[in-house]
Protein backbone atom coordinates (compact mmCIF):
# COMPACT_ATOMS: atom_id res chain seq x y z
CA MET A 1 110.00 39.98 144.55
CA SER A 2 112.69 42.49 145.64
CA THR A 3 111.99 45.55 147.79
CA SER A 4 112.68 47.87 144.83
CA VAL A 5 110.20 45.94 142.70
CA LYS A 6 107.50 46.06 145.35
CA ASN A 7 108.03 49.83 145.79
CA TYR A 8 107.62 50.42 142.05
CA PHE A 9 104.57 48.28 141.92
CA ALA A 10 102.94 49.92 144.90
CA THR A 11 103.58 53.56 143.86
CA SER A 12 102.93 53.28 140.11
CA SER A 13 99.52 54.23 138.90
CA PRO A 14 97.60 50.88 138.35
CA SER A 15 95.01 52.40 136.09
CA VAL A 16 93.40 49.51 134.13
CA GLY A 17 93.95 49.84 130.54
CA ALA A 18 96.24 52.81 130.82
CA THR A 19 99.11 53.21 128.31
CA VAL A 20 101.30 55.23 130.73
CA ALA A 21 102.11 54.75 134.48
CA GLU A 22 103.11 57.52 136.87
CA VAL A 23 106.34 56.30 138.79
CA PRO A 24 108.12 58.26 141.58
CA GLY A 25 111.45 59.58 140.54
CA LEU A 26 114.16 61.70 142.14
CA TYR A 27 112.43 64.94 141.38
CA GLY A 28 108.72 63.91 141.57
CA SER A 29 106.82 61.57 139.51
CA PHE A 30 107.52 60.85 135.76
CA THR A 31 105.71 58.84 133.06
CA PHE A 32 106.54 55.51 131.82
CA SER A 33 104.74 54.56 128.60
CA GLU A 34 103.80 51.21 126.85
CA LYS A 35 105.79 52.61 123.91
CA LEU A 36 108.94 52.67 126.05
CA LEU A 37 108.37 49.18 127.29
CA GLN A 38 108.02 48.03 123.65
CA ARG A 39 111.33 49.73 122.82
CA ILE A 40 112.97 47.86 125.82
CA TRP A 41 111.62 44.46 124.52
CA ALA A 42 112.76 45.18 120.91
CA ARG A 43 116.12 46.16 121.92
CA GLY A 44 116.51 43.35 124.64
CA GLU A 45 117.46 45.92 127.25
CA PHE A 46 116.85 43.43 130.20
CA GLU A 47 118.57 40.40 131.64
CA GLY A 48 117.11 37.78 129.21
CA ALA A 49 119.19 34.92 130.79
CA ALA A 50 117.18 35.21 133.92
CA ALA A 51 113.73 35.37 132.30
CA ARG A 52 111.00 33.08 133.87
CA THR A 53 107.30 33.26 133.47
CA ALA A 54 105.15 33.87 136.38
CA ASP A 55 104.47 30.11 136.68
CA GLY A 56 108.29 29.42 136.81
CA ARG A 57 109.25 28.37 133.26
CA THR A 58 112.35 29.55 131.65
CA VAL A 59 112.18 31.79 128.61
CA LYS A 60 114.82 32.17 126.02
CA ILE A 61 114.13 35.01 123.51
CA LEU A 62 115.42 33.81 120.12
CA THR A 63 113.94 36.70 118.26
CA PRO A 64 111.72 39.42 119.86
CA GLY A 65 109.36 39.50 116.65
CA LYS A 66 108.64 42.22 114.26
CA TRP A 67 107.49 45.54 115.92
CA ASN A 68 103.89 46.12 114.73
CA GLY A 69 102.82 49.72 114.50
CA LEU A 70 99.39 48.74 113.31
CA GLY A 71 96.36 47.05 115.06
CA GLY A 72 96.92 43.62 116.77
CA PRO A 73 99.67 42.38 118.89
CA ASP A 74 102.71 44.51 119.59
CA PHE A 75 105.32 42.00 118.04
CA LEU A 76 104.62 39.55 115.43
CA GLY A 77 106.41 36.20 114.53
CA ALA A 78 108.59 36.12 117.66
CA ARG A 79 110.61 33.03 118.46
CA LEU A 80 110.93 31.72 121.99
CA ARG A 81 112.17 28.67 123.76
CA LEU A 82 109.81 27.92 126.69
CA ASP A 83 111.24 25.32 129.03
CA GLY A 84 113.29 24.02 126.09
CA MET A 85 110.33 23.88 123.73
CA GLU A 86 110.70 26.30 120.77
CA MET A 87 107.61 28.30 119.85
CA THR A 88 106.75 30.79 117.08
CA GLY A 89 103.93 33.35 117.61
CA ASP A 90 103.14 36.85 118.71
CA ILE A 91 103.91 38.93 121.76
CA GLU A 92 101.60 41.37 123.55
CA LEU A 93 103.02 43.92 125.98
CA HIS A 94 101.09 45.95 128.66
CA LEU A 95 102.22 47.77 131.85
CA HIS A 96 99.93 45.72 133.96
CA VAL A 97 98.47 42.16 133.61
CA GLY A 98 94.97 43.53 133.84
CA ASP A 99 95.34 45.55 130.67
CA TRP A 100 94.74 42.58 128.52
CA ALA A 101 91.23 42.06 129.86
CA ALA A 102 90.56 45.83 129.78
CA HIS A 103 91.34 45.86 126.18
CA ALA A 104 89.14 42.78 125.51
CA HIS A 105 91.98 41.08 123.56
CA ALA A 106 90.53 37.62 124.29
CA ARG A 107 87.56 38.37 122.12
CA ASP A 108 89.70 39.73 119.23
CA PRO A 109 90.79 37.11 116.63
CA ALA A 110 93.93 39.21 115.83
CA TYR A 111 95.28 38.11 119.26
CA ALA A 112 94.66 34.42 118.83
CA ASP A 113 98.36 33.52 118.12
CA VAL A 114 99.75 35.49 121.26
CA MET A 115 102.01 32.98 123.03
CA LEU A 116 103.52 35.34 125.66
CA HIS A 117 101.99 38.29 127.67
CA VAL A 118 104.89 40.57 128.68
CA VAL A 119 104.06 43.15 131.35
CA LEU A 120 106.19 45.80 133.17
CA PHE A 121 104.80 45.24 136.76
CA PRO A 122 104.62 41.79 138.37
CA SER A 123 101.19 40.66 139.72
CA GLU A 124 99.72 37.53 141.52
CA GLU A 125 98.32 36.32 138.30
CA ILE A 126 100.41 33.56 136.68
CA PHE A 127 98.43 33.35 133.40
CA THR A 128 96.47 35.59 131.09
CA ALA A 129 93.16 34.17 129.71
CA GLY A 130 93.16 33.97 125.92
CA ALA A 131 90.44 32.98 123.57
CA GLY A 132 88.39 29.90 124.81
CA GLY A 133 90.08 30.13 128.23
CA ARG A 134 93.58 29.38 126.77
CA HIS A 135 96.33 30.01 129.30
CA ILE A 136 98.89 32.42 128.05
CA PRO A 137 102.17 32.64 130.14
CA VAL A 138 102.95 35.93 131.68
CA LEU A 139 106.50 37.47 131.88
CA ALA A 140 107.13 40.38 134.13
CA LEU A 141 110.12 42.69 132.91
CA LEU A 142 110.56 44.97 135.93
CA PRO A 143 112.76 42.35 137.82
CA LEU A 144 114.83 41.83 134.85
CA LEU A 145 115.57 45.43 133.91
CA GLN A 146 119.29 46.41 133.86
CA ARG A 147 118.63 49.90 135.05
CA GLY A 148 115.84 51.98 136.94
CA LEU A 149 112.73 52.98 135.16
CA GLU A 150 113.66 56.73 135.52
CA GLU A 151 116.94 55.95 133.80
CA TYR A 152 115.16 54.27 130.89
CA ALA A 153 112.83 57.28 130.51
CA GLU A 154 115.76 59.76 130.83
CA ASP A 155 117.62 58.02 128.07
CA ALA A 156 114.55 57.91 125.79
CA ALA A 157 114.12 61.61 126.22
CA VAL A 158 117.84 62.33 125.49
CA GLU A 159 117.75 60.13 122.37
CA ALA A 160 114.57 61.92 121.17
CA PHE A 161 116.22 65.22 121.63
CA ALA A 162 119.60 64.12 119.90
CA GLY A 163 117.60 63.16 116.91
CA ARG A 164 115.95 66.57 116.44
CA PRO A 165 118.14 69.54 115.52
CA LEU A 166 117.33 72.85 117.14
CA ALA A 167 115.77 75.12 114.56
CA ARG A 168 116.79 78.16 116.51
CA VAL A 169 117.90 79.20 120.05
CA PRO A 170 114.89 79.08 122.32
CA ALA A 171 113.54 82.55 122.67
CA GLU A 172 113.22 82.12 126.45
CA LEU A 173 116.96 81.76 126.82
CA ALA A 174 117.90 84.43 124.34
CA ALA A 175 115.86 87.01 126.21
CA LEU A 176 117.78 86.35 129.53
CA ASP A 177 120.64 88.44 130.70
CA ALA A 178 123.95 86.67 131.25
CA SER A 179 123.62 86.43 134.96
CA THR A 180 120.14 84.97 134.93
CA LEU A 181 121.15 82.54 132.13
CA LYS A 182 124.12 81.29 134.08
CA ASP A 183 122.02 80.72 137.15
CA LEU A 184 119.37 78.78 135.18
CA LEU A 185 122.04 76.52 133.58
CA ALA A 186 123.71 76.03 136.84
CA ARG A 187 120.58 75.09 138.53
CA HIS A 188 119.66 72.44 135.88
CA ALA A 189 123.22 71.18 135.72
CA ALA A 190 122.98 70.58 139.50
CA ARG A 191 119.85 68.38 139.03
CA ARG A 192 121.56 66.45 136.26
CA TRP A 193 124.47 65.79 138.45
CA GLN A 194 122.22 64.46 141.18
CA GLN A 195 120.34 62.24 138.60
CA LYS A 196 123.67 60.73 137.58
CA ILE A 197 124.66 60.07 141.19
CA HIS A 198 121.14 58.57 141.77
CA PHE A 199 121.54 56.19 138.92
CA ALA A 200 125.07 55.22 139.84
CA ARG A 201 123.96 54.61 143.45
CA GLN A 202 121.36 52.23 142.19
CA ARG A 203 123.89 50.24 140.12
CA VAL A 204 126.50 50.15 142.95
CA ALA A 205 123.79 48.85 145.34
CA LYS A 206 122.77 46.09 142.89
CA LEU A 207 126.19 45.02 141.57
CA GLY A 208 128.79 46.17 144.09
CA TRP A 209 131.63 48.63 143.36
CA GLU A 210 133.74 46.59 140.83
CA GLU A 211 130.94 45.19 138.73
CA ALA A 212 129.15 48.56 138.78
CA CYS A 213 132.36 50.03 137.24
CA HIS A 214 132.58 47.26 134.70
CA HIS A 215 128.90 47.68 133.65
CA THR A 216 129.20 51.39 133.34
CA ALA A 217 132.37 51.33 131.33
CA LEU A 218 130.96 48.78 128.75
CA GLU A 219 127.66 50.74 128.60
CA ILE A 220 129.45 54.01 127.85
CA LEU A 221 131.67 52.44 125.19
CA GLY A 222 128.53 51.05 123.54
CA HIS A 223 127.15 54.58 123.28
CA ARG A 224 123.36 54.85 122.40
CA SER A 225 123.35 52.25 119.48
CA ASN A 226 124.90 49.44 121.38
CA ARG A 227 124.26 50.11 125.02
CA ALA A 228 122.02 47.06 125.56
CA PRO A 229 124.25 44.28 124.11
CA MET A 230 127.23 45.88 126.04
CA LEU A 231 125.33 45.56 129.14
CA ALA A 232 124.50 42.04 128.35
CA VAL A 233 128.26 41.39 127.69
CA ALA A 234 129.07 42.97 131.09
CA ALA A 235 126.62 40.61 132.86
CA GLN A 236 127.74 37.46 130.96
CA PHE A 237 131.44 38.17 131.12
CA PRO A 238 132.17 39.77 134.48
CA LEU A 239 135.15 41.91 135.41
CA ALA A 240 137.05 38.91 137.00
CA ALA A 241 137.00 37.01 133.79
CA TRP A 242 138.42 39.97 131.76
CA ALA A 243 140.97 40.65 134.53
CA ALA A 244 142.16 36.99 134.39
CA GLY A 245 142.58 37.15 130.66
CA GLY A 246 140.01 34.42 130.07
CA VAL A 247 137.65 36.27 127.78
CA ASP A 248 137.58 35.39 124.07
CA LEU A 249 136.52 38.36 122.02
CA ALA A 250 135.08 36.13 119.38
CA ALA A 251 132.89 34.45 122.10
CA VAL A 252 131.94 37.88 123.32
CA TRP A 253 130.82 38.94 119.92
CA THR A 254 128.81 35.89 119.15
CA SER A 255 127.08 36.00 122.63
CA GLN A 256 125.10 38.98 121.28
CA ASP A 257 124.78 37.82 117.70
CA GLY A 258 122.01 39.61 115.83
CA ARG A 259 121.82 42.44 118.49
CA TRP A 260 124.78 44.51 117.48
CA GLN A 261 123.93 47.70 115.56
CA SER A 262 126.45 48.90 113.01
CA ARG A 263 124.20 50.75 110.51
CA GLY A 264 124.87 54.50 110.73
CA VAL A 265 127.56 53.99 113.38
CA ARG A 266 131.01 55.67 112.78
CA PRO A 267 133.88 53.38 112.53
CA LEU A 268 135.39 54.45 115.92
CA ASN A 269 132.01 53.64 117.55
CA HIS A 270 131.66 50.31 115.93
CA PRO A 271 131.15 47.72 118.73
CA ARG A 272 133.92 45.37 117.50
CA TRP A 273 136.39 48.29 117.86
CA ARG A 274 134.94 49.24 121.35
CA LEU A 275 135.24 45.60 122.58
CA ARG A 276 138.95 45.67 121.42
CA GLN A 277 139.54 48.80 123.28
CA TYR A 278 138.09 47.40 126.42
CA ALA A 279 140.04 44.18 126.07
CA ALA A 280 143.31 46.14 125.74
CA TRP A 281 142.23 48.26 128.68
CA MET A 282 141.63 45.28 130.85
CA VAL A 283 144.97 43.62 129.84
CA ALA A 284 146.87 46.89 130.93
CA ARG A 285 144.69 47.80 134.01
CA PRO A 286 142.75 44.86 135.23
CA ASP A 287 142.47 46.50 138.61
CA TRP A 288 141.01 49.90 137.34
CA PRO A 289 138.14 50.05 139.68
CA ALA A 290 140.50 50.01 142.61
CA ARG A 291 142.76 52.45 140.90
CA LEU A 292 139.81 54.81 140.47
CA ARG A 293 138.95 54.75 144.16
CA ALA A 294 142.55 55.44 144.97
CA LEU A 295 142.84 58.36 142.68
CA ALA A 296 139.65 59.87 144.02
CA LYS A 297 141.52 60.81 147.06
CA THR A 298 143.92 63.14 145.08
CA LEU A 299 141.47 64.67 142.47
CA PRO A 300 141.40 68.43 142.39
CA VAL A 301 138.52 70.12 144.06
CA PRO A 302 137.52 73.30 141.99
CA SER A 303 134.44 74.02 144.16
CA GLY A 304 132.20 77.03 143.32
CA ALA A 305 133.73 77.48 139.78
CA SER A 306 131.43 78.98 137.08
CA VAL A 307 131.51 78.75 133.39
CA VAL A 308 132.94 82.27 133.26
CA GLU A 309 136.05 81.03 134.99
CA THR A 310 136.37 77.65 133.23
CA ARG A 311 139.73 78.29 131.46
CA ALA A 312 141.38 79.92 134.43
CA VAL A 313 140.22 77.09 136.80
CA ARG A 314 141.30 74.48 134.41
CA ARG A 315 144.77 76.08 134.34
CA LYS A 316 144.89 76.59 138.11
CA PHE A 317 144.23 72.74 138.91
CA GLY A 318 145.98 71.45 135.88
CA LEU A 319 142.95 69.70 134.43
CA PRO A 320 144.56 68.99 131.08
CA ALA A 321 147.32 67.09 132.91
CA TRP A 322 144.87 65.40 134.96
CA ARG A 323 143.05 64.39 131.98
CA ALA A 324 146.11 62.64 130.55
CA LYS A 325 146.92 61.22 133.94
CA LEU A 326 143.47 59.56 134.41
CA SER A 327 143.46 58.13 130.86
CA SER A 328 146.84 56.56 131.49
CA ALA A 329 146.20 55.38 135.06
CA LEU A 330 142.80 53.95 134.55
CA CYS A 331 142.77 52.73 130.97
CA ALA A 332 146.30 52.86 129.70
CA ASP A 333 145.17 55.33 127.15
CA ALA A 334 142.96 52.67 125.33
CA VAL A 335 140.14 55.22 125.32
CA ARG A 336 140.71 58.91 124.40
CA GLY A 337 139.08 61.94 123.28
CA THR A 338 135.43 62.69 123.86
CA ARG A 339 134.53 59.15 124.83
CA PHE A 340 137.03 59.25 127.58
CA ASP A 341 135.52 62.53 128.77
CA THR A 342 132.23 60.75 128.64
CA LEU A 343 133.67 58.01 130.85
CA VAL A 344 134.74 60.58 133.37
CA CYS A 345 131.47 62.56 133.50
CA ASP A 346 128.97 59.81 133.09
CA GLY A 347 130.92 57.08 134.73
CA PHE A 348 133.88 57.65 136.99
CA LEU A 349 132.63 61.00 138.83
CA PRO A 350 129.10 59.86 139.42
CA LEU A 351 130.23 56.23 140.69
CA LEU A 352 132.55 57.88 143.11
CA ALA A 353 129.99 60.45 144.28
CA ALA A 354 127.34 57.74 144.55
CA ALA A 355 129.30 56.07 147.35
CA ASP A 356 129.17 58.63 150.13
CA LYS A 357 130.80 57.43 153.46
CA LYS A 358 129.36 60.17 155.58
CA GLY A 359 126.20 58.37 156.92
CA GLY A 360 124.76 57.58 153.44
CA LEU A 361 123.94 61.19 152.69
CA GLU A 362 123.01 62.43 149.25
CA VAL A 363 123.19 66.17 148.49
CA ASN A 364 120.08 67.61 147.04
CA ASN A 365 120.06 71.42 146.09
CA GLY A 366 122.69 71.82 148.78
CA LEU A 367 120.81 70.20 151.53
CA PRO A 368 121.61 66.73 153.00
CA VAL A 369 119.05 64.10 152.35
CA ARG A 370 119.20 60.66 154.09
CA SER A 371 119.90 57.98 151.47
CA GLU A 372 118.09 54.68 151.40
CA ARG A 373 121.35 53.10 150.22
CA ALA A 374 123.66 53.74 153.20
CA GLU A 375 124.89 50.10 152.93
CA ILE A 376 127.05 50.95 149.93
CA SER A 377 129.27 53.36 151.97
CA ARG A 378 131.89 50.67 152.03
CA ALA A 379 132.72 51.64 148.50
CA THR A 380 133.34 55.38 149.32
CA PRO A 381 136.63 57.14 149.01
CA GLU A 382 137.38 58.44 152.39
CA ASP A 383 137.69 62.09 151.69
CA ARG A 384 135.42 62.71 148.73
CA ASP A 385 131.85 63.68 148.59
CA ALA A 386 129.17 64.69 146.04
CA PRO A 387 129.59 68.54 146.26
CA GLU A 388 133.36 68.43 145.64
CA LEU A 389 133.29 66.02 142.71
CA GLY A 390 130.27 68.04 141.36
CA GLY A 391 132.60 71.11 141.08
CA LEU A 392 135.10 69.01 139.07
CA TRP A 393 132.18 67.55 136.91
CA GLN A 394 130.96 71.07 136.19
CA ILE A 395 134.05 72.24 134.45
CA TRP A 396 135.28 68.87 132.96
CA PHE A 397 135.71 68.76 129.17
CA PRO A 398 132.33 67.99 127.42
CA GLY A 399 132.13 64.37 126.12
CA ASP A 400 129.66 62.82 123.61
CA LEU A 401 126.67 65.13 123.84
CA PRO A 402 123.82 65.73 121.40
CA ALA A 403 125.37 67.87 118.48
CA THR A 404 123.18 70.86 118.83
CA LEU A 405 123.98 71.69 122.47
CA LEU A 406 127.50 73.30 122.07
CA PRO A 407 126.63 75.54 119.10
CA THR A 408 123.55 76.81 120.94
CA LEU A 409 125.57 77.71 123.91
CA ARG A 410 128.06 79.44 121.71
CA VAL A 411 125.28 81.49 120.05
CA LEU A 412 124.00 82.42 123.51
CA GLY A 413 127.52 83.60 124.50
CA VAL A 414 127.83 81.00 127.31
CA PHE A 415 130.89 79.36 125.53
CA ALA A 416 133.36 81.86 123.99
CA ALA A 417 136.80 80.72 123.24
CA PRO A 418 139.36 80.95 124.58
CA ALA A 419 138.34 82.35 127.91
CA ARG A 420 135.11 80.29 128.20
CA PRO A 421 135.63 76.99 126.51
CA ALA A 422 132.90 74.29 126.40
CA CYS A 423 132.41 72.44 129.60
CA GLN A 424 130.23 69.70 130.88
CA GLY A 425 128.18 71.55 133.42
CA ALA A 426 126.59 74.32 131.20
CA ALA A 427 126.02 71.72 128.44
CA GLN A 428 124.18 69.40 130.81
CA GLY A 429 122.31 72.45 132.24
CA LEU A 430 120.95 73.31 128.77
CA LEU A 431 120.07 69.57 128.15
CA GLY A 432 118.21 69.48 131.51
CA TRP A 433 116.36 72.65 130.73
CA LEU A 434 115.43 71.46 127.22
CA LEU A 435 114.17 68.10 128.57
CA GLU A 436 112.34 69.53 131.50
CA THR A 437 110.46 72.20 129.50
CA GLY A 438 109.90 69.94 126.43
CA LYS A 439 111.78 72.43 124.07
CA TYR A 440 113.05 69.49 121.91
């Protein structure tokens, strides 16, 4: 068991039978629910190729089963290949292995066809006792997760917000004067920036610089609908394979057969189109992670800029020209528009800031905090740190954000063309406030 897995297990709330766990995060504890675990299973948002039961048998998930919103097992009629033997049956998910006994499932006939007990946190138990003492294999997902628990919880909250239009501007914000509102948004934007650095740091520590860039780019190209299969593609087809021209797009597509989501997806977000974009990107710029590090040394440093000065600062530092330069230098203009801006704000800048050469320091509300991930400092651009890049992130062009954010900020007078065009920082600040206060 890795150190990170041990830490999660030791600090999560092990309440028997609980449907949520309290897990430590960057800004205090957060909750992780069984419902979120079920969603991760349904979407396959984990490294399925590495799945092994607690007793060491390989697990190949052929179909995850039908998500059951009623009584009984969580997923019905799943198909698995357990050590090469194909099986059909039900799947039950819990946060902890002891929750099965706490819920008395062994005495409930509805659970008689459960063939796999999926849990979040690993334990010393290698089987779950079914009816009549039947041994049900246990699969722990935490070691297989593609991202940290906090990132999954964060993404779930953003998705929930994105699906609910704001009926009106929150009264608390409308009542604030301009200066107070600006400070509130800046405070929440700073926290969002630090979260993005935190998530990027975890990825670089796990994968190394080049693969972290590769995974991040494909994940962003997948957007919300196809994030999971894109991450699986990144794991199965590493950067070196794309750079060498040895990746067949037909094989990439079929590798995630049945997982791609196209219903309700705009043509430009269709995963086939996004894969073609990345293939063109890699043909033209196979060394783009190295290019990103090199460009970081010359990026503009608009520190201390506020939303009121956005247009003037963008002009002063030539950000429209920089936008075009980065698009050309890093991806040969294969990706443009708001998706490229999302790559910059959710990918390129956090990845660069995550690798801080100055003794492994993070910046938290302006105060240096010793990082536990100092070993990744080898990936750090020599003269860039989190505060400098944070200033650039604040006033960068907004990417793909929940549709209600920008109109709300315009109504509040935060964005007012042409002097105060929409920018990433204030939009992320509003999103952070909405998520933290539950106003979504």
